[in-house]
Amino acid sequence: MIERITIASDELVVEIAPLGAALASVRPVEHGAPGPNLVLAPGPAGDGAYRGVIAGRFANRIGRARFELDGSTVMLDANDGVHCLHGGPEGFGARRWKLIDGRDDWVSLALHSPAGDQGFPGAVDATATYRVRAACIEVELAATSDAPTVVSLTNHAYWNLAGAGAPTVLEHELRIDADAFTAVDDELIPTGELTAVRGTPFDFTTPRAIGDRIGELLGTPSRGYDHDFVLRANRAPEAAVAELRDPASGRWMRITTSEPGLQLYTGNHLRGQRGKAGR
């Protein structure tokens, strides 16, 4: 049984775990050898943390575990109170994906989800492809269905550019190319309202430390950042929608995407869970 698949370039060594098709390890090559892991390693399936996995069939929350499709109400399996989170109790992140192809610098995994899985209509075949090019990781997610349904996939990695076991990311400097964020209610369900970031703790239009104003959110239902940022629509395809930098190590990352939104989550519900070296 394959537990980790390694792909690499001259600048990165990356490990993928078939359980959840998870991004399990990202180690930059520094001084001729792989450095520290920059992502939180996967935990046990069902631990509720979704560490590095592909979240689906539908990433994030579906309110009241129901939605309308072609004039009918579709009822889903709830796993976040009365809501459906990341595809339900046994979403894609809890499944063992099948290795279908790969080389030294890329790998593709696949998963079949039958009709009615967690309540979702239509059978879905999903693929996750990871590629390493120099210091870049490309994640390509695709899905097809034999009937009308909803699908929204994402990778759910937790990043700390200071390396595994480092204290927090609050000193990391972040920029997000977004003038608005998606407002949520007391149960973190989107209200449909788009709120301007200017003058709020959500304003990352210029780089600043994540911890600068996170304290203003600790008394709110999200207990930190757990919000979708509405990316500027007129950006060039190759433009970075976000940039993150750790001042202490000098490591930095840029994110590009074809999607209209970017979720910023600061691990607010990880209390009591442990990562590298039990930290």
Protein backbone atom coordinates (compact mmCIF):
# COMPACT_ATOMS: atom_id res chain seq x y z
CA MET A 1 0.00 0.00 0.00
CA ILE A 2 1.47 3.35 -1.08
CA GLU A 3 1.26 5.90 1.75
CA ARG A 4 3.33 8.71 0.23
CA ILE A 5 4.20 9.61 -3.36
CA THR A 6 7.22 11.86 -3.85
CA ILE A 7 7.55 14.31 -6.71
CA ALA A 8 10.37 16.79 -6.99
CA SER A 9 12.26 19.46 -8.89
CA ASP A 10 15.65 20.97 -8.21
CA GLU A 11 13.95 23.44 -5.84
CA LEU A 12 11.12 21.52 -4.14
CA VAL A 13 10.47 18.05 -2.73
CA VAL A 14 6.75 17.34 -2.39
CA GLU A 15 4.91 14.36 -0.92
CA ILE A 16 1.32 13.40 -1.78
CA ALA A 17 -0.74 11.02 0.37
CA PRO A 18 -3.40 8.89 -1.40
CA LEU A 19 -5.69 9.24 1.63
CA GLY A 20 -7.55 12.41 0.71
CA ALA A 21 -5.13 13.04 -2.20
CA ALA A 22 -3.41 15.20 0.39
CA LEU A 23 -0.52 17.60 0.00
CA ALA A 24 1.43 16.01 2.85
CA SER A 25 4.82 17.68 2.67
CA VAL A 26 6.40 20.62 0.84
CA ARG A 27 10.12 21.01 1.48
CA PRO A 28 12.19 23.68 -0.30
CA VAL A 29 15.69 22.66 -1.31
CA GLU A 30 18.00 24.92 0.69
CA HIS A 31 21.80 24.69 0.81
CA GLY A 32 21.67 21.56 -1.32
CA ALA A 33 19.25 19.59 0.86
CA PRO A 34 15.47 19.54 1.55
CA GLY A 35 14.54 22.02 4.26
CA PRO A 36 11.64 21.95 6.74
CA ASN A 37 8.12 20.92 5.81
CA LEU A 38 6.03 24.06 5.18
CA VAL A 39 2.59 22.42 5.45
CA LEU A 40 0.81 20.73 8.35
CA ALA A 41 1.11 16.98 7.81
CA PRO A 42 -2.14 15.01 7.39
CA GLY A 43 -3.78 13.64 10.51
CA PRO A 44 -6.13 10.68 10.98
CA ALA A 45 -9.09 10.50 8.61
CA GLY A 46 -12.11 12.15 10.18
CA ASP A 47 -10.18 14.31 12.66
CA GLY A 48 -12.04 17.34 11.35
CA ALA A 49 -8.92 19.26 10.35
CA TYR A 50 -8.80 18.36 6.61
CA ARG A 51 -5.01 18.77 6.66
CA GLY A 52 -3.83 19.11 3.08
CA VAL A 53 -6.65 17.02 1.59
CA ILE A 54 -8.83 17.65 -1.43
CA ALA A 55 -12.08 18.89 0.10
CA GLY A 56 -15.23 17.88 -1.79
CA ARG A 57 -17.62 17.11 -3.29
CA PHE A 58 -18.28 20.64 -2.18
CA ALA A 59 -15.66 22.63 -0.28
CA ASN A 60 -16.81 24.90 2.55
CA ARG A 61 -20.29 24.92 4.05
CA ILE A 62 -23.70 24.32 2.48
CA GLY A 63 -26.26 25.88 4.80
CA ARG A 64 -28.82 23.56 6.42
CA ALA A 65 -27.31 20.74 4.32
CA ARG A 66 -29.64 21.45 1.43
CA PHE A 67 -29.73 23.25 -1.90
CA GLU A 68 -32.10 23.77 -4.81
CA LEU A 69 -31.42 22.06 -8.13
CA ASP A 70 -33.75 22.15 -11.13
CA GLY A 71 -36.71 23.07 -8.96
CA SER A 72 -36.17 20.38 -6.33
CA THR A 73 -34.62 20.48 -2.86
CA VAL A 74 -31.60 18.21 -2.45
CA MET A 75 -30.96 17.05 1.13
CA LEU A 76 -27.37 16.28 2.12
CA ASP A 77 -25.70 14.50 5.03
CA ALA A 78 -24.92 17.06 7.75
CA ASN A 79 -21.61 16.99 9.63
CA ASP A 80 -21.19 20.56 10.93
CA GLY A 81 -24.19 20.94 13.16
CA VAL A 82 -27.10 21.18 10.72
CA HIS A 83 -24.77 22.12 7.85
CA CYS A 84 -22.78 20.11 5.31
CA LEU A 85 -19.05 20.88 5.48
CA HIS A 86 -16.49 19.85 2.84
CA GLY A 87 -18.75 17.23 1.29
CA GLY A 88 -20.28 15.62 4.36
CA PRO A 89 -19.22 13.09 7.02
CA GLU A 90 -17.30 11.00 4.48
CA GLY A 91 -16.27 13.59 1.92
CA PHE A 92 -13.47 13.29 -0.61
CA GLY A 93 -10.86 14.20 2.01
CA ALA A 94 -11.59 10.99 3.92
CA ARG A 95 -11.33 8.70 0.88
CA ARG A 96 -8.35 6.82 -0.48
CA TRP A 97 -7.71 8.10 -4.01
CA LYS A 98 -6.30 5.85 -6.72
CA LEU A 99 -2.95 6.57 -8.32
CA ILE A 100 -3.54 6.64 -12.08
CA ASP A 101 -0.36 8.13 -13.54
CA GLY A 102 2.75 10.07 -12.74
CA ARG A 103 6.42 10.78 -13.32
CA ASP A 104 9.25 12.18 -11.22
CA ASP A 105 7.71 15.66 -11.16
CA TRP A 106 3.95 15.05 -11.35
CA VAL A 107 1.24 12.67 -10.20
CA SER A 108 -2.47 12.19 -10.91
CA LEU A 109 -4.97 10.55 -8.58
CA ALA A 110 -8.63 9.72 -9.19
CA LEU A 111 -11.74 9.10 -7.13
CA HIS A 112 -15.20 7.79 -8.07
CA SER A 113 -18.19 9.04 -6.10
CA PRO A 114 -21.48 7.19 -6.80
CA ALA A 115 -24.83 8.90 -7.19
CA GLY A 116 -26.32 9.70 -3.81
CA ASP A 117 -22.94 9.85 -2.07
CA GLN A 118 -23.50 11.99 1.08
CA GLY A 119 -26.80 12.95 -0.56
CA PHE A 120 -25.32 14.56 -3.68
CA PRO A 121 -27.01 13.65 -6.98
CA GLY A 122 -25.14 12.20 -9.94
CA ALA A 123 -22.09 9.98 -10.09
CA VAL A 124 -18.87 12.01 -10.10
CA ASP A 125 -15.38 11.10 -11.27
CA ALA A 126 -12.75 13.48 -9.91
CA THR A 127 -9.04 13.83 -10.58
CA ALA A 128 -6.32 15.69 -8.71
CA THR A 129 -3.03 16.38 -10.46
CA TYR A 130 0.01 17.81 -8.68
CA ARG A 131 2.97 19.11 -10.68
CA VAL A 132 6.27 20.57 -9.51
CA ARG A 133 8.03 23.07 -11.78
CA ALA A 134 11.14 24.68 -10.27
CA ALA A 135 9.80 26.34 -7.09
CA CYS A 136 6.14 26.13 -8.17
CA ILE A 137 3.43 23.62 -7.24
CA GLU A 138 0.53 23.36 -9.67
CA VAL A 139 -2.72 21.80 -8.45
CA GLU A 140 -5.23 20.95 -11.16
CA LEU A 141 -8.64 19.67 -10.04
CA ALA A 142 -11.29 18.33 -12.41
CA ALA A 143 -14.60 16.51 -12.15
CA THR A 144 -17.27 15.10 -14.47
CA SER A 145 -20.78 13.97 -13.60
CA ASP A 146 -23.42 11.86 -15.33
CA ALA A 147 -26.24 14.09 -14.04
CA PRO A 148 -26.79 17.71 -12.93
CA THR A 149 -25.10 18.27 -9.57
CA VAL A 150 -22.83 20.70 -7.70
CA VAL A 151 -19.07 20.26 -7.38
CA SER A 152 -16.48 22.58 -5.83
CA LEU A 153 -13.04 21.17 -5.06
CA THR A 154 -10.05 22.72 -3.33
CA ASN A 155 -6.81 21.78 -1.65
CA HIS A 156 -6.99 22.36 2.11
CA ALA A 157 -3.32 22.71 3.08
CA TYR A 158 -2.25 24.69 6.14
CA TRP A 159 0.93 26.67 5.45
CA ASN A 160 3.61 27.92 7.82
CA LEU A 161 6.58 29.29 5.92
CA ALA A 162 8.69 29.24 9.08
CA GLY A 163 8.56 25.44 8.93
CA ALA A 164 6.97 22.55 10.78
CA GLY A 165 6.86 23.05 14.53
CA ALA A 166 7.30 26.83 14.32
CA PRO A 167 5.05 28.78 16.70
CA THR A 168 2.47 30.73 14.66
CA VAL A 169 1.92 32.47 11.33
CA LEU A 170 0.84 35.73 12.97
CA GLU A 171 4.07 37.47 11.91
CA HIS A 172 3.69 36.34 8.29
CA GLU A 173 3.01 39.27 5.97
CA LEU A 174 0.07 38.78 3.64
CA ARG A 175 -1.30 40.57 0.60
CA ILE A 176 -4.58 39.60 -1.08
CA ASP A 177 -5.77 41.14 -4.33
CA ALA A 178 -9.35 41.65 -3.13
CA ASP A 179 -11.44 44.73 -2.39
CA ALA A 180 -14.30 42.77 -0.79
CA PHE A 181 -14.99 39.62 1.19
CA THR A 182 -18.04 37.39 1.48
CA ALA A 183 -19.96 38.17 4.67
CA VAL A 184 -21.09 35.22 6.81
CA ASP A 185 -23.73 34.76 9.50
CA ASP A 186 -23.21 33.51 13.05
CA GLU A 187 -22.84 29.94 11.76
CA LEU A 188 -20.30 30.93 9.06
CA ILE A 189 -22.80 30.52 6.22
CA PRO A 190 -22.44 33.14 3.44
CA THR A 191 -25.20 35.74 3.52
CA GLY A 192 -24.78 36.77 -0.11
CA GLU A 193 -23.51 40.19 0.90
CA LEU A 194 -20.12 41.36 -0.37
CA THR A 195 -18.45 43.66 2.15
CA ALA A 196 -15.71 46.15 1.32
CA VAL A 197 -12.41 45.40 3.08
CA ARG A 198 -11.29 49.01 3.38
CA GLY A 199 -10.95 50.08 7.02
CA THR A 200 -11.61 46.56 8.35
CA PRO A 201 -9.40 43.71 9.65
CA PHE A 202 -9.91 42.13 6.21
CA ASP A 203 -7.92 44.75 4.32
CA PHE A 204 -4.85 42.98 2.93
CA THR A 205 -4.67 45.07 -0.24
CA THR A 206 -1.19 46.09 0.91
CA PRO A 207 1.08 43.65 2.78
CA ARG A 208 0.70 43.48 6.54
CA ALA A 209 1.11 40.93 9.31
CA ILE A 210 -1.74 38.42 9.70
CA GLY A 211 -1.70 39.09 13.42
CA ASP A 212 -2.08 42.88 13.13
CA ARG A 213 -5.88 42.89 13.58
CA ILE A 214 -6.82 39.26 14.10
CA GLY A 215 -7.57 40.08 17.73
CA GLU A 216 -10.65 41.99 16.60
CA LEU A 217 -12.09 38.73 15.28
CA LEU A 218 -11.46 36.46 18.26
CA GLY A 219 -14.82 37.29 19.81
CA THR A 220 -16.73 36.63 16.58
CA PRO A 221 -18.15 33.25 15.44
CA SER A 222 -15.17 32.68 13.12
CA ARG A 223 -12.65 33.23 15.98
CA GLY A 224 -10.18 34.51 13.40
CA TYR A 225 -9.99 34.53 9.63
CA ASP A 226 -12.26 32.00 7.94
CA HIS A 227 -13.56 34.03 5.02
CA ASP A 228 -13.73 34.07 1.25
CA PHE A 229 -12.05 37.04 -0.39
CA VAL A 230 -13.56 38.24 -3.68
CA LEU A 231 -10.64 38.43 -6.07
CA ARG A 232 -10.40 41.30 -8.54
CA ALA A 233 -11.93 40.14 -11.80
CA ASN A 234 -9.79 42.14 -14.21
CA ARG A 235 -6.48 40.52 -13.26
CA ALA A 236 -4.12 38.90 -15.75
CA PRO A 237 -4.13 35.06 -15.68
CA GLU A 238 -0.55 34.93 -14.45
CA ALA A 239 -1.00 37.64 -11.79
CA ALA A 240 -0.59 36.67 -8.15
CA VAL A 241 -3.86 36.94 -6.22
CA ALA A 242 -2.03 36.60 -2.92
CA GLU A 243 1.51 36.83 -1.58
CA LEU A 244 2.71 35.52 1.77
CA ARG A 245 6.14 36.15 3.34
CA ASP A 246 7.81 35.00 6.54
CA PRO A 247 10.15 37.84 7.58
CA ALA A 248 12.24 35.59 9.84
CA SER A 249 13.21 32.95 7.27
CA GLY A 250 12.79 35.08 4.16
CA ARG A 251 10.61 32.39 2.57
CA TRP A 252 7.70 33.59 0.48
CA MET A 253 4.97 32.23 -1.75
CA ARG A 254 2.76 33.60 -4.49
CA ILE A 255 -0.67 32.17 -5.37
CA THR A 256 -2.27 32.27 -8.80
CA THR A 257 -5.69 30.82 -9.56
CA SER A 258 -8.40 30.75 -12.20
CA GLU A 259 -11.10 30.94 -9.51
CA PRO A 260 -13.04 34.04 -8.38
CA GLY A 261 -12.47 33.59 -4.64
CA LEU A 262 -9.70 32.78 -2.16
CA GLN A 263 -10.38 31.43 1.34
CA LEU A 264 -8.17 32.64 4.18
CA TYR A 265 -8.34 30.34 7.21
CA THR A 266 -6.09 30.71 10.24
CA GLY A 267 -6.69 27.30 11.84
CA ASN A 268 -9.14 28.68 14.39
CA HIS A 269 -10.63 25.25 15.15
CA LEU A 270 -7.34 23.36 15.58
CA ARG A 271 -7.20 23.75 19.35
CA GLY A 272 -5.98 20.56 20.98
CA GLN A 273 -4.72 19.03 17.75
CA ARG A 274 -1.00 18.43 17.40
CA GLY A 275 1.38 18.57 14.49
CA LYS A 276 5.13 18.10 14.06
CA ALA A 277 6.93 17.02 17.25
CA GLY A 278 3.61 17.15 19.12
CA ARG A 279 3.30 20.92 18.82
